[in-house]
Amino acid sequence: MSNPPDNTSTVILVNNDGMGKSEPPLQHKLMQTYLRLLDETNHMPKAICFYADGVKLVVEGSPVLEQLRALEAKGVLLLICQTCLNYFGLIEKVRVGIVGGMPDIIAAQWRAQKVITI
């Protein structure tokens, strides 16, 4: 896999508990692979924003915590919707990232040159 040009102003939006529309184990496997490959290419987005069901990926028991911690350690901002966490009763189970609000997610989008939803 070739390394794409550096674009640290990209923001990735995650609104599902996994990637794609399939059975949950496949969705989680796809998300694990995506995040691992993103980390291995050293092509880091500026931020990854989690909202709706996507917040389930940053909490205790998530199958992608290891991959998210690796990205966060490399300086990727992991921004999590507080309203969504409260809705699902997950605020106390957050294990990675920064809890923020929709204004923070909107600000990240406006600062980005590219926004990708996965």
N, C-alpha and C. Protein backbone atom coordinates (compact mmCIF):
# COMPACT_ATOMS: atom_id res chain seq x y z
N MET A 1 0.85 -1.17 0.00
CA MET A 1 0.00 0.00 0.00
C MET A 1 0.89 1.23 0.00
N SER A 2 0.67 2.12 -0.92
CA SER A 2 1.49 3.33 -0.99
C SER A 2 0.98 4.36 0.00
N ASN A 3 1.87 5.21 0.44
CA ASN A 3 1.50 6.25 1.37
C ASN A 3 0.96 7.45 0.62
N PRO A 4 -0.25 7.89 0.95
CA PRO A 4 -0.81 9.07 0.32
C PRO A 4 -0.11 10.32 0.83
N PRO A 5 -0.24 11.43 0.13
CA PRO A 5 0.39 12.67 0.60
C PRO A 5 -0.18 13.09 1.95
N ASP A 6 0.64 13.80 2.70
CA ASP A 6 0.22 14.25 4.03
C ASP A 6 -0.95 15.22 3.91
N ASN A 7 -1.97 14.99 4.70
CA ASN A 7 -3.11 15.89 4.76
C ASN A 7 -3.64 15.89 6.17
N THR A 8 -2.97 16.62 7.04
CA THR A 8 -3.32 16.61 8.45
C THR A 8 -4.55 17.46 8.74
N SER A 9 -5.22 17.98 7.72
CA SER A 9 -6.45 18.73 7.98
C SER A 9 -7.69 17.93 7.61
N THR A 10 -7.55 16.62 7.53
CA THR A 10 -8.68 15.74 7.26
C THR A 10 -9.36 15.35 8.57
N VAL A 11 -10.68 15.34 8.56
CA VAL A 11 -11.46 14.88 9.70
C VAL A 11 -12.30 13.69 9.26
N ILE A 12 -12.30 12.66 10.08
CA ILE A 12 -13.10 11.46 9.80
C ILE A 12 -14.27 11.46 10.77
N LEU A 13 -15.46 11.22 10.24
CA LEU A 13 -16.66 11.12 11.05
C LEU A 13 -17.08 9.66 11.15
N VAL A 14 -17.35 9.22 12.37
CA VAL A 14 -17.77 7.84 12.61
C VAL A 14 -19.14 7.90 13.29
N ASN A 15 -20.17 7.40 12.60
CA ASN A 15 -21.51 7.43 13.18
C ASN A 15 -22.14 6.05 13.32
N ASN A 16 -21.35 5.01 13.15
CA ASN A 16 -21.82 3.64 13.32
C ASN A 16 -20.92 2.89 14.29
N ASP A 17 -21.48 1.85 14.89
CA ASP A 17 -20.71 0.99 15.78
C ASP A 17 -20.00 -0.06 14.92
N GLY A 18 -19.11 0.40 14.08
CA GLY A 18 -18.41 -0.45 13.13
C GLY A 18 -18.39 0.22 11.78
N MET A 19 -18.08 -0.55 10.77
CA MET A 19 -17.93 0.01 9.42
C MET A 19 -18.82 -0.76 8.46
N GLY A 20 -19.61 -0.05 7.69
CA GLY A 20 -20.49 -0.67 6.72
C GLY A 20 -21.80 -1.11 7.33
N LYS A 21 -22.59 -1.77 6.53
CA LYS A 21 -23.88 -2.29 6.97
C LYS A 21 -23.86 -3.80 6.80
N SER A 22 -23.62 -4.49 7.89
CA SER A 22 -23.50 -5.93 7.87
C SER A 22 -23.70 -6.43 9.30
N GLU A 23 -23.36 -7.68 9.52
CA GLU A 23 -23.41 -8.22 10.88
C GLU A 23 -22.37 -7.51 11.74
N PRO A 24 -22.66 -7.27 13.02
CA PRO A 24 -21.72 -6.55 13.89
C PRO A 24 -20.30 -7.09 13.90
N PRO A 25 -20.07 -8.41 13.93
CA PRO A 25 -18.67 -8.87 13.92
C PRO A 25 -17.90 -8.42 12.67
N LEU A 26 -18.54 -8.44 11.52
CA LEU A 26 -17.88 -7.98 10.30
C LEU A 26 -17.65 -6.47 10.34
N GLN A 27 -18.64 -5.73 10.82
CA GLN A 27 -18.48 -4.28 10.94
C GLN A 27 -17.28 -3.94 11.83
N HIS A 28 -17.14 -4.65 12.93
CA HIS A 28 -16.03 -4.40 13.85
C HIS A 28 -14.70 -4.81 13.22
N LYS A 29 -14.67 -5.92 12.54
CA LYS A 29 -13.44 -6.37 11.87
C LYS A 29 -12.99 -5.36 10.82
N LEU A 30 -13.94 -4.86 10.04
CA LEU A 30 -13.61 -3.85 9.03
C LEU A 30 -13.06 -2.58 9.67
N MET A 31 -13.67 -2.16 10.78
CA MET A 31 -13.20 -0.95 11.46
C MET A 31 -11.81 -1.17 12.05
N GLN A 32 -11.57 -2.35 12.64
CA GLN A 32 -10.24 -2.66 13.16
C GLN A 32 -9.20 -2.57 12.04
N THR A 33 -9.49 -3.17 10.92
CA THR A 33 -8.56 -3.16 9.80
C THR A 33 -8.32 -1.75 9.29
N TYR A 34 -9.38 -0.98 9.13
CA TYR A 34 -9.27 0.40 8.65
C TYR A 34 -8.36 1.22 9.56
N LEU A 35 -8.64 1.17 10.86
CA LEU A 35 -7.85 1.96 11.81
C LEU A 35 -6.41 1.49 11.88
N ARG A 36 -6.19 0.18 11.84
CA ARG A 36 -4.82 -0.36 11.86
C ARG A 36 -4.05 0.10 10.64
N LEU A 37 -4.66 0.01 9.47
CA LEU A 37 -3.98 0.44 8.24
C LEU A 37 -3.73 1.94 8.23
N LEU A 38 -4.67 2.70 8.76
CA LEU A 38 -4.48 4.14 8.87
C LEU A 38 -3.26 4.44 9.72
N ASP A 39 -3.13 3.74 10.83
CA ASP A 39 -1.99 3.89 11.73
C ASP A 39 -0.69 3.47 11.05
N GLU A 40 -0.71 2.37 10.33
CA GLU A 40 0.50 1.86 9.68
C GLU A 40 0.99 2.75 8.55
N THR A 41 0.10 3.45 7.89
CA THR A 41 0.52 4.31 6.78
C THR A 41 1.10 5.63 7.27
N ASN A 42 0.91 5.90 8.56
CA ASN A 42 1.34 7.18 9.13
C ASN A 42 0.70 8.36 8.42
N HIS A 43 -0.44 8.15 7.83
CA HIS A 43 -1.24 9.21 7.21
C HIS A 43 -2.37 9.53 8.17
N MET A 44 -2.08 10.44 9.11
CA MET A 44 -2.99 10.70 10.20
C MET A 44 -3.98 11.81 9.87
N PRO A 45 -5.24 11.58 10.20
CA PRO A 45 -6.20 12.69 10.11
C PRO A 45 -5.96 13.64 11.28
N LYS A 46 -6.48 14.83 11.17
CA LYS A 46 -6.40 15.78 12.27
C LYS A 46 -7.27 15.31 13.43
N ALA A 47 -8.45 14.78 13.08
CA ALA A 47 -9.38 14.36 14.12
C ALA A 47 -10.28 13.24 13.60
N ILE A 48 -10.78 12.45 14.54
CA ILE A 48 -11.84 11.49 14.27
C ILE A 48 -12.96 11.84 15.24
N CYS A 49 -14.14 12.12 14.70
CA CYS A 49 -15.28 12.53 15.51
C CYS A 49 -16.28 11.38 15.58
N PHE A 50 -16.72 11.06 16.78
CA PHE A 50 -17.64 9.96 17.02
C PHE A 50 -18.98 10.52 17.49
N TYR A 51 -20.06 10.12 16.81
CA TYR A 51 -21.40 10.53 17.24
C TYR A 51 -22.38 9.42 16.88
N ALA A 52 -23.62 9.55 17.34
CA ALA A 52 -24.65 8.52 17.18
C ALA A 52 -24.08 7.18 17.68
N ASP A 53 -24.31 6.08 16.97
CA ASP A 53 -23.81 4.78 17.41
C ASP A 53 -22.28 4.70 17.40
N GLY A 54 -21.62 5.62 16.74
CA GLY A 54 -20.16 5.62 16.69
C GLY A 54 -19.50 5.76 18.06
N VAL A 55 -20.21 6.37 19.01
CA VAL A 55 -19.63 6.54 20.35
C VAL A 55 -19.38 5.20 21.03
N LYS A 56 -20.04 4.16 20.58
CA LYS A 56 -19.87 2.84 21.19
C LYS A 56 -18.47 2.27 20.93
N LEU A 57 -17.74 2.87 20.00
CA LEU A 57 -16.39 2.40 19.69
C LEU A 57 -15.31 2.93 20.63
N VAL A 58 -15.64 3.93 21.45
CA VAL A 58 -14.63 4.53 22.32
C VAL A 58 -14.82 4.15 23.79
N VAL A 59 -15.70 3.22 24.05
CA VAL A 59 -16.02 2.87 25.43
C VAL A 59 -15.49 1.49 25.80
N GLU A 60 -15.51 1.23 27.08
CA GLU A 60 -15.10 -0.07 27.63
C GLU A 60 -15.74 -1.21 26.83
N GLY A 61 -14.92 -2.18 26.44
CA GLY A 61 -15.41 -3.33 25.70
C GLY A 61 -15.37 -3.17 24.18
N SER A 62 -15.02 -2.00 23.70
CA SER A 62 -14.95 -1.79 22.25
C SER A 62 -13.84 -2.64 21.64
N PRO A 63 -14.10 -3.24 20.48
CA PRO A 63 -13.07 -4.06 19.83
C PRO A 63 -11.98 -3.25 19.13
N VAL A 64 -12.09 -1.91 19.14
CA VAL A 64 -11.09 -1.10 18.44
C VAL A 64 -10.35 -0.14 19.37
N LEU A 65 -10.43 -0.35 20.67
CA LEU A 65 -9.75 0.54 21.61
C LEU A 65 -8.24 0.59 21.37
N GLU A 66 -7.64 -0.55 21.12
CA GLU A 66 -6.19 -0.60 20.89
C GLU A 66 -5.80 0.26 19.69
N GLN A 67 -6.53 0.14 18.61
CA GLN A 67 -6.23 0.92 17.40
C GLN A 67 -6.46 2.40 17.65
N LEU A 68 -7.52 2.74 18.37
CA LEU A 68 -7.79 4.15 18.65
C LEU A 68 -6.74 4.75 19.58
N ARG A 69 -6.30 3.99 20.56
CA ARG A 69 -5.24 4.49 21.46
C ARG A 69 -3.94 4.75 20.69
N ALA A 70 -3.64 3.88 19.74
CA ALA A 70 -2.43 4.07 18.92
C ALA A 70 -2.53 5.36 18.11
N LEU A 71 -3.69 5.61 17.54
CA LEU A 71 -3.86 6.84 16.75
C LEU A 71 -3.80 8.07 17.66
N GLU A 72 -4.43 7.99 18.81
CA GLU A 72 -4.41 9.11 19.75
C GLU A 72 -2.98 9.40 20.20
N ALA A 73 -2.19 8.36 20.42
CA ALA A 73 -0.79 8.53 20.84
C ALA A 73 0.03 9.24 19.76
N LYS A 74 -0.42 9.14 18.53
CA LYS A 74 0.28 9.82 17.42
C LYS A 74 -0.27 11.21 17.16
N GLY A 75 -1.15 11.68 18.03
CA GLY A 75 -1.63 13.05 17.93
C GLY A 75 -2.97 13.25 17.26
N VAL A 76 -3.68 12.17 16.95
CA VAL A 76 -5.01 12.31 16.35
C VAL A 76 -6.00 12.65 17.46
N LEU A 77 -6.76 13.73 17.26
CA LEU A 77 -7.79 14.13 18.21
C LEU A 77 -8.99 13.21 18.03
N LEU A 78 -9.40 12.55 19.11
CA LEU A 78 -10.58 11.70 19.09
C LEU A 78 -11.66 12.44 19.87
N LEU A 79 -12.64 12.95 19.16
CA LEU A 79 -13.66 13.81 19.74
C LEU A 79 -14.99 13.06 19.80
N ILE A 80 -15.60 13.02 20.97
CA ILE A 80 -16.78 12.19 21.21
C ILE A 80 -17.97 13.07 21.61
N CYS A 81 -19.11 12.81 21.01
CA CYS A 81 -20.33 13.55 21.28
C CYS A 81 -20.89 13.21 22.67
N GLN A 82 -20.93 14.20 23.53
CA GLN A 82 -21.42 13.99 24.89
C GLN A 82 -22.92 13.67 24.91
N THR A 83 -23.69 14.32 24.07
CA THR A 83 -25.13 14.05 24.01
C THR A 83 -25.39 12.58 23.68
N CYS A 84 -24.61 12.04 22.75
CA CYS A 84 -24.78 10.65 22.35
C CYS A 84 -24.37 9.70 23.47
N LEU A 85 -23.27 10.01 24.13
CA LEU A 85 -22.84 9.19 25.27
C LEU A 85 -23.90 9.17 26.35
N ASN A 86 -24.47 10.33 26.66
CA ASN A 86 -25.52 10.41 27.67
C ASN A 86 -26.75 9.62 27.23
N TYR A 87 -27.11 9.73 25.97
CA TYR A 87 -28.28 9.03 25.45
C TYR A 87 -28.16 7.51 25.65
N PHE A 88 -26.97 6.98 25.40
CA PHE A 88 -26.74 5.54 25.54
C PHE A 88 -26.30 5.14 26.95
N GLY A 89 -26.14 6.10 27.86
CA GLY A 89 -25.71 5.80 29.22
C GLY A 89 -24.26 5.32 29.27
N LEU A 90 -23.40 5.88 28.41
CA LEU A 90 -22.02 5.41 28.29
C LEU A 90 -20.97 6.40 28.78
N ILE A 91 -21.39 7.52 29.32
CA ILE A 91 -20.44 8.58 29.67
C ILE A 91 -19.36 8.09 30.64
N GLU A 92 -19.69 7.20 31.55
CA GLU A 92 -18.72 6.70 32.53
C GLU A 92 -17.83 5.60 31.96
N LYS A 93 -18.12 5.11 30.76
CA LYS A 93 -17.36 4.00 30.19
C LYS A 93 -16.37 4.43 29.11
N VAL A 94 -16.22 5.74 28.89
CA VAL A 94 -15.28 6.22 27.87
C VAL A 94 -13.87 5.83 28.26
N ARG A 95 -13.13 5.25 27.32
CA ARG A 95 -11.77 4.78 27.60
C ARG A 95 -10.72 5.43 26.71
N VAL A 96 -11.14 6.24 25.75
CA VAL A 96 -10.20 6.91 24.86
C VAL A 96 -10.89 8.15 24.30
N GLY A 97 -10.11 9.19 24.03
CA GLY A 97 -10.66 10.38 23.41
C GLY A 97 -11.08 11.46 24.39
N ILE A 98 -11.66 12.51 23.82
CA ILE A 98 -12.10 13.67 24.58
C ILE A 98 -13.60 13.85 24.35
N VAL A 99 -14.33 13.97 25.45
CA VAL A 99 -15.76 14.19 25.36
C VAL A 99 -16.01 15.67 25.07
N GLY A 100 -16.78 15.92 24.04
CA GLY A 100 -17.11 17.29 23.65
C GLY A 100 -18.56 17.35 23.22
N GLY A 101 -18.88 18.44 22.57
CA GLY A 101 -20.26 18.61 22.12
C GLY A 101 -20.32 18.78 20.61
N MET A 102 -21.53 18.90 20.12
CA MET A 102 -21.72 19.10 18.69
C MET A 102 -21.01 20.37 18.19
N PRO A 103 -20.94 21.45 18.99
CA PRO A 103 -20.17 22.61 18.52
C PRO A 103 -18.70 22.27 18.24
N ASP A 104 -18.12 21.37 19.04
CA ASP A 104 -16.73 20.95 18.82
C ASP A 104 -16.59 20.16 17.52
N ILE A 105 -17.56 19.30 17.24
CA ILE A 105 -17.54 18.51 16.01
C ILE A 105 -17.71 19.43 14.80
N ILE A 106 -18.62 20.38 14.90
CA ILE A 106 -18.83 21.33 13.80
C ILE A 106 -17.56 22.15 13.56
N ALA A 107 -16.92 22.60 14.63
CA ALA A 107 -15.69 23.38 14.49
C ALA A 107 -14.60 22.56 13.80
N ALA A 108 -14.47 21.29 14.17
CA ALA A 108 -13.47 20.43 13.53
C ALA A 108 -13.77 20.28 12.04
N GLN A 109 -15.04 20.15 11.69
CA GLN A 109 -15.42 20.02 10.28
C GLN A 109 -15.08 21.29 9.51
N TRP A 110 -15.37 22.44 10.07
CA TRP A 110 -15.11 23.70 9.36
C TRP A 110 -13.62 23.96 9.18
N ARG A 111 -12.81 23.51 10.13
CA ARG A 111 -11.37 23.71 10.01
C ARG A 111 -10.73 22.73 9.02
N ALA A 112 -11.43 21.66 8.71
CA ALA A 112 -10.88 20.61 7.85
C ALA A 112 -10.94 21.00 6.38
N GLN A 113 -9.92 20.55 5.65
CA GLN A 113 -9.96 20.68 4.19
C GLN A 113 -10.77 19.55 3.58
N LYS A 114 -10.83 18.41 4.29
CA LYS A 114 -11.56 17.25 3.80
C LYS A 114 -12.25 16.57 4.97
N VAL A 115 -13.51 16.18 4.77
CA VAL A 115 -14.28 15.45 5.78
C VAL A 115 -14.71 14.14 5.16
N ILE A 116 -14.40 13.03 5.84
CA ILE A 116 -14.71 11.69 5.35
C ILE A 116 -15.63 11.03 6.38
N THR A 117 -16.74 10.48 5.94
CA THR A 117 -17.64 9.74 6.82
C THR A 117 -17.46 8.26 6.54
N ILE A 118 -17.20 7.49 7.60
CA ILE A 118 -17.07 6.04 7.43
C ILE A 118 -18.09 5.33 8.29
